[in-house]
Amino acid sequence: MRLTVVLSIIFLLLSGSIYAADPVKDSRNIDEFHQPGENSPLVPSEYVWFFGYIPTDGWVAHSFSLTNNHEDTVTILKFIPGCDCTHVPRTPITFAPGETKLVKIDFDTKTYSGETNRDVHVMTDYKVNPNLDLYFASVIGMRPRTVKISPASTVFIAGKEKQTISVINLIDEDVDVKIIIDMDSSLSVSKASFELEGEETVEFDIIPNWDKVGFGPQHYSVTVEFEREDAFRISIPVKTNKF
């Protein structure tokens, strides 16, 4: 599959250094190989999601936004994850004409390290073309040389209203920072973007929206995107326990 080949090339480039940069900009180029057509059963917000760097033994999650652009109802009959590490929603999920829904994919990294890409095959009842593939990629157990995030992951239990995250610039070079949260509104942050000056530390808060968080153990992630010549991402695994 052409997309798999492109991902493989990117990861070969990444493997040149343990501190290699995550290809944030390249993810936009990859989508050019999978532009939605009239025969696509559902149109996703993106076909490929890059988590960037993830700590070892972390759970992360991403919600793909799927839209039914057809005049008829489309139903997701089954998700087929590419491995046991990928957790998918229950089916069936029905989309009325013009309707958009979020599909949350959880990824458990505990048996993986290094550059990793996985897929989820989506089977629908759209007869013209029932199939859709979604992809996500990450770099597990490695870190960039130029910045540090502390803590690298966090857990929320009842009564914990926020977690302060420190973003530390380890070099004398300014960088623009963007904080990306999932579209399901389960989490919010105190800052959406900021400039991180050379050797500066900037803090922001992760705040659970408890009325949106599901019951029991749930997994989410906050992605920090660093925009400069060697653009990259770091994802912070977030676990909640609501009873």
Protein backbone atom coordinates (compact mmCIF):
# COMPACT_ATOMS: atom_id res chain seq x y z
CA MET A 1 0.00 0.00 0.00
CA ARG A 2 1.40 3.35 -1.02
CA LEU A 3 0.78 5.01 2.33
CA THR A 4 2.65 2.24 4.15
CA VAL A 5 5.63 2.78 1.86
CA VAL A 6 5.63 6.52 2.59
CA LEU A 7 5.48 5.89 6.34
CA SER A 8 8.35 3.42 6.05
CA ILE A 9 10.48 6.00 4.24
CA ILE A 10 9.78 8.57 6.94
CA PHE A 11 10.74 6.17 9.69
CA LEU A 12 13.93 5.24 7.87
CA LEU A 13 14.82 8.92 7.87
CA LEU A 14 13.92 9.13 11.54
CA SER A 15 16.08 6.16 12.44
CA GLY A 16 19.25 8.11 11.65
CA SER A 17 19.27 9.51 15.19
CA ILE A 18 17.84 8.51 18.54
CA TYR A 19 16.79 12.14 18.84
CA ALA A 20 15.26 12.37 15.35
CA ALA A 21 12.44 14.87 14.78
CA ASP A 22 8.84 13.76 14.37
CA PRO A 23 7.59 14.63 10.85
CA VAL A 24 4.72 16.98 11.68
CA LYS A 25 4.82 18.68 8.30
CA ASP A 26 5.29 15.38 6.46
CA SER A 27 1.95 14.13 7.81
CA ARG A 28 0.22 16.74 5.67
CA ASN A 29 2.08 15.46 2.61
CA ILE A 30 1.05 11.87 3.37
CA ASP A 31 -2.60 12.87 3.24
CA GLU A 32 -2.08 13.84 -0.42
CA PHE A 33 -1.87 10.09 -1.16
CA HIS A 34 -5.27 9.49 0.42
CA GLN A 35 -7.57 12.29 -0.61
CA PRO A 36 -11.26 11.43 -0.05
CA GLY A 37 -13.22 10.75 -3.21
CA GLU A 38 -16.88 10.38 -3.97
CA ASN A 39 -16.63 6.64 -3.29
CA SER A 40 -15.13 6.95 0.18
CA PRO A 41 -17.67 5.61 2.71
CA LEU A 42 -16.81 8.32 5.27
CA VAL A 43 -14.51 11.35 5.11
CA PRO A 44 -12.00 11.52 8.00
CA SER A 45 -10.49 14.64 9.52
CA GLU A 46 -7.14 13.06 8.61
CA TYR A 47 -6.05 9.65 7.41
CA VAL A 48 -2.81 9.71 9.43
CA TRP A 49 -2.31 11.03 12.95
CA PHE A 50 1.20 11.58 14.36
CA PHE A 51 1.49 11.37 18.14
CA GLY A 52 5.19 12.17 17.91
CA TYR A 53 7.35 11.09 20.85
CA ILE A 54 5.56 9.01 23.50
CA PRO A 55 7.02 7.80 26.82
CA THR A 56 7.51 4.07 27.29
CA ASP A 57 4.49 2.21 28.73
CA GLY A 58 2.08 5.01 27.95
CA TRP A 59 -1.50 4.92 26.67
CA VAL A 60 -2.45 7.63 24.20
CA ALA A 61 -5.64 8.30 22.28
CA HIS A 62 -6.86 10.22 19.26
CA SER A 63 -10.38 10.89 17.99
CA PHE A 64 -10.77 10.80 14.22
CA SER A 65 -13.68 12.93 13.02
CA LEU A 66 -15.68 11.02 10.38
CA THR A 67 -18.31 12.64 8.15
CA ASN A 68 -20.95 11.01 5.97
CA ASN A 69 -21.06 13.03 2.74
CA HIS A 70 -23.63 10.77 1.08
CA GLU A 71 -27.40 11.10 0.71
CA ASP A 72 -27.91 7.72 2.38
CA THR A 73 -27.13 6.52 5.91
CA VAL A 74 -23.75 4.82 6.37
CA THR A 75 -23.09 2.41 9.23
CA ILE A 76 -19.72 1.24 10.55
CA LEU A 77 -20.17 -2.52 10.94
CA LYS A 78 -16.77 -3.41 12.33
CA PHE A 79 -13.34 -2.04 13.24
CA ILE A 80 -10.36 -4.32 12.59
CA PRO A 81 -7.31 -3.02 14.52
CA GLY A 82 -3.89 -3.92 13.21
CA CYS A 83 -2.75 -5.26 16.60
CA ASP A 84 -3.92 -6.02 20.14
CA CYS A 85 -2.32 -2.74 21.22
CA THR A 86 -5.08 -0.79 19.45
CA HIS A 87 -8.47 -0.41 21.15
CA VAL A 88 -11.51 0.65 19.13
CA PRO A 89 -15.14 1.66 19.85
CA ARG A 90 -18.05 -0.74 19.87
CA THR A 91 -20.05 -1.14 16.69
CA PRO A 92 -22.38 -0.58 14.93
CA ILE A 93 -22.07 3.21 14.60
CA THR A 94 -24.59 4.84 12.27
CA PHE A 95 -24.08 8.13 10.42
CA ALA A 96 -27.08 9.98 9.04
CA PRO A 97 -26.55 11.91 5.78
CA GLY A 98 -24.26 14.86 6.51
CA GLU A 99 -23.59 13.71 10.08
CA THR A 100 -20.16 13.90 11.73
CA LYS A 101 -19.07 11.73 14.67
CA LEU A 102 -15.84 11.18 16.58
CA VAL A 103 -14.20 7.76 16.61
CA LYS A 104 -11.70 7.40 19.48
CA ILE A 105 -8.72 5.09 19.01
CA ASP A 106 -6.61 4.09 22.04
CA PHE A 107 -3.01 2.94 21.66
CA ASP A 108 -1.15 0.97 24.36
CA THR A 109 2.61 1.33 23.81
CA LYS A 110 3.87 -1.10 26.47
CA THR A 111 5.23 -3.75 24.09
CA TYR A 112 6.73 -1.29 21.59
CA SER A 113 9.74 0.97 21.23
CA GLY A 114 11.14 3.18 18.50
CA GLU A 115 9.32 4.21 15.35
CA THR A 116 5.89 2.60 15.18
CA ASN A 117 2.96 2.88 12.79
CA ARG A 118 -0.35 1.07 13.12
CA ASP A 119 -3.68 1.01 11.31
CA VAL A 120 -7.37 0.46 11.87
CA HIS A 121 -9.47 -1.02 9.08
CA VAL A 122 -13.05 0.28 9.01
CA MET A 123 -15.78 -1.86 7.44
CA THR A 124 -19.08 -0.15 6.53
CA ASP A 125 -22.31 -1.01 4.74
CA TYR A 126 -21.63 1.49 1.94
CA LYS A 127 -21.92 -0.87 -1.04
CA VAL A 128 -19.96 1.20 -3.57
CA ASN A 129 -16.83 1.08 -1.40
CA PRO A 130 -17.30 -0.31 2.11
CA ASN A 131 -13.70 0.02 3.32
CA LEU A 132 -11.69 2.80 4.96
CA ASP A 133 -8.25 2.72 6.60
CA LEU A 134 -7.03 5.03 9.37
CA TYR A 135 -3.41 5.24 10.50
CA PHE A 136 -1.42 6.55 13.46
CA ALA A 137 2.30 6.78 14.05
CA SER A 138 4.65 7.52 16.94
CA VAL A 139 8.21 7.34 18.25
CA ILE A 140 8.15 5.41 21.53
CA GLY A 141 10.69 5.58 24.36
CA MET A 142 12.84 8.24 22.70
CA ARG A 143 13.00 11.99 23.18
CA PRO A 144 14.23 15.07 21.33
CA ARG A 145 17.52 16.56 22.40
CA THR A 146 16.33 20.15 22.39
CA VAL A 147 13.30 20.18 24.74
CA LYS A 148 11.96 18.40 27.80
CA ILE A 149 8.42 18.01 29.15
CA SER A 150 7.81 17.35 32.83
CA PRO A 151 5.94 15.32 33.94
CA ALA A 152 5.97 13.12 30.86
CA SER A 153 2.54 11.67 31.72
CA THR A 154 -0.19 12.25 34.28
CA VAL A 155 -3.16 10.64 36.05
CA PHE A 156 -6.34 12.33 37.27
CA ILE A 157 -8.49 10.97 40.07
CA ALA A 158 -11.55 12.51 41.70
CA GLY A 159 -10.64 15.80 43.34
CA LYS A 160 -7.64 16.51 41.12
CA GLU A 161 -8.60 19.53 39.04
CA LYS A 162 -5.41 20.25 37.08
CA GLN A 163 -1.87 19.15 36.31
CA THR A 164 0.82 21.71 35.63
CA ILE A 165 3.16 20.77 32.79
CA SER A 166 6.61 22.34 32.36
CA VAL A 167 7.95 22.77 28.82
CA ILE A 168 11.71 23.28 29.03
CA ASN A 169 13.83 24.60 26.17
CA LEU A 170 17.28 23.00 26.45
CA ILE A 171 18.95 25.09 23.76
CA ASP A 172 19.43 28.78 23.01
CA GLU A 173 16.91 28.93 20.18
CA ASP A 174 13.33 30.24 20.20
CA VAL A 175 10.50 27.93 19.16
CA ASP A 176 6.75 28.35 18.64
CA VAL A 177 4.69 25.87 20.64
CA LYS A 178 1.12 24.71 20.00
CA ILE A 179 -0.93 22.57 22.39
CA ILE A 180 -3.29 20.10 20.68
CA ILE A 181 -6.15 18.52 22.61
CA ASP A 182 -8.65 15.97 21.37
CA MET A 183 -11.90 17.12 19.78
CA ASP A 184 -14.05 15.23 22.32
CA SER A 185 -13.71 18.08 24.88
CA SER A 186 -12.66 15.71 27.70
CA LEU A 187 -9.61 17.86 28.40
CA SER A 188 -8.79 21.54 28.17
CA VAL A 189 -5.56 23.48 28.61
CA SER A 190 -4.73 26.88 30.08
CA LYS A 191 -2.69 27.89 27.01
CA ALA A 192 -3.27 26.97 23.38
CA SER A 193 0.04 28.34 22.08
CA PHE A 194 3.08 30.31 23.19
CA GLU A 195 6.63 31.19 22.22
CA LEU A 196 9.36 29.34 24.08
CA GLU A 197 12.50 31.44 24.16
CA GLY A 198 16.00 30.02 24.35
CA GLU A 199 16.62 28.07 27.61
CA GLU A 200 13.23 29.21 28.92
CA THR A 201 10.65 27.16 30.84
CA VAL A 202 6.94 27.78 30.26
CA GLU A 203 4.14 26.11 32.19
CA PHE A 204 0.60 25.25 31.19
CA ASP A 205 -2.20 23.35 32.92
CA ILE A 206 -4.10 20.29 31.74
CA ILE A 207 -7.65 20.42 33.07
CA PRO A 208 -10.10 17.48 32.93
CA ASN A 209 -13.67 18.36 32.01
CA TRP A 210 -15.21 15.83 34.39
CA ASP A 211 -18.70 16.08 32.89
CA LYS A 212 -17.23 14.93 29.55
CA VAL A 213 -14.89 12.26 30.92
CA GLY A 214 -16.15 8.68 30.74
CA PHE A 215 -16.62 6.48 33.80
CA GLY A 216 -13.90 4.10 34.93
CA PRO A 217 -10.33 4.23 33.65
CA GLN A 218 -10.08 6.30 30.47
CA HIS A 219 -7.10 7.24 28.31
CA TYR A 220 -6.47 10.54 26.56
CA SER A 221 -3.46 12.52 25.38
CA VAL A 222 -2.27 16.08 24.98
CA THR A 223 0.09 16.71 22.06
CA VAL A 224 2.70 19.46 22.20
CA GLU A 225 3.81 20.60 18.75
CA PHE A 226 7.11 22.45 18.30
CA GLU A 227 7.17 24.44 15.07
CA ARG A 228 10.57 25.31 13.62
CA GLU A 229 12.88 23.96 10.93
CA ASP A 230 13.04 20.56 12.66
CA ALA A 231 9.35 20.48 13.63
CA PHE A 232 8.30 17.67 15.96
CA ARG A 233 5.65 16.59 18.47
CA ILE A 234 5.58 15.13 21.96
CA SER A 235 2.41 13.49 23.30
CA ILE A 236 1.61 13.41 27.02
CA PRO A 237 -0.40 10.32 28.06
CA VAL A 238 -3.32 11.28 30.32
CA LYS A 239 -5.30 8.73 32.36
CA THR A 240 -8.50 9.53 34.23
CA ASN A 241 -10.39 7.52 36.86
CA LYS A 242 -14.00 8.57 37.35
CA PHE A 243 -16.34 6.52 39.53
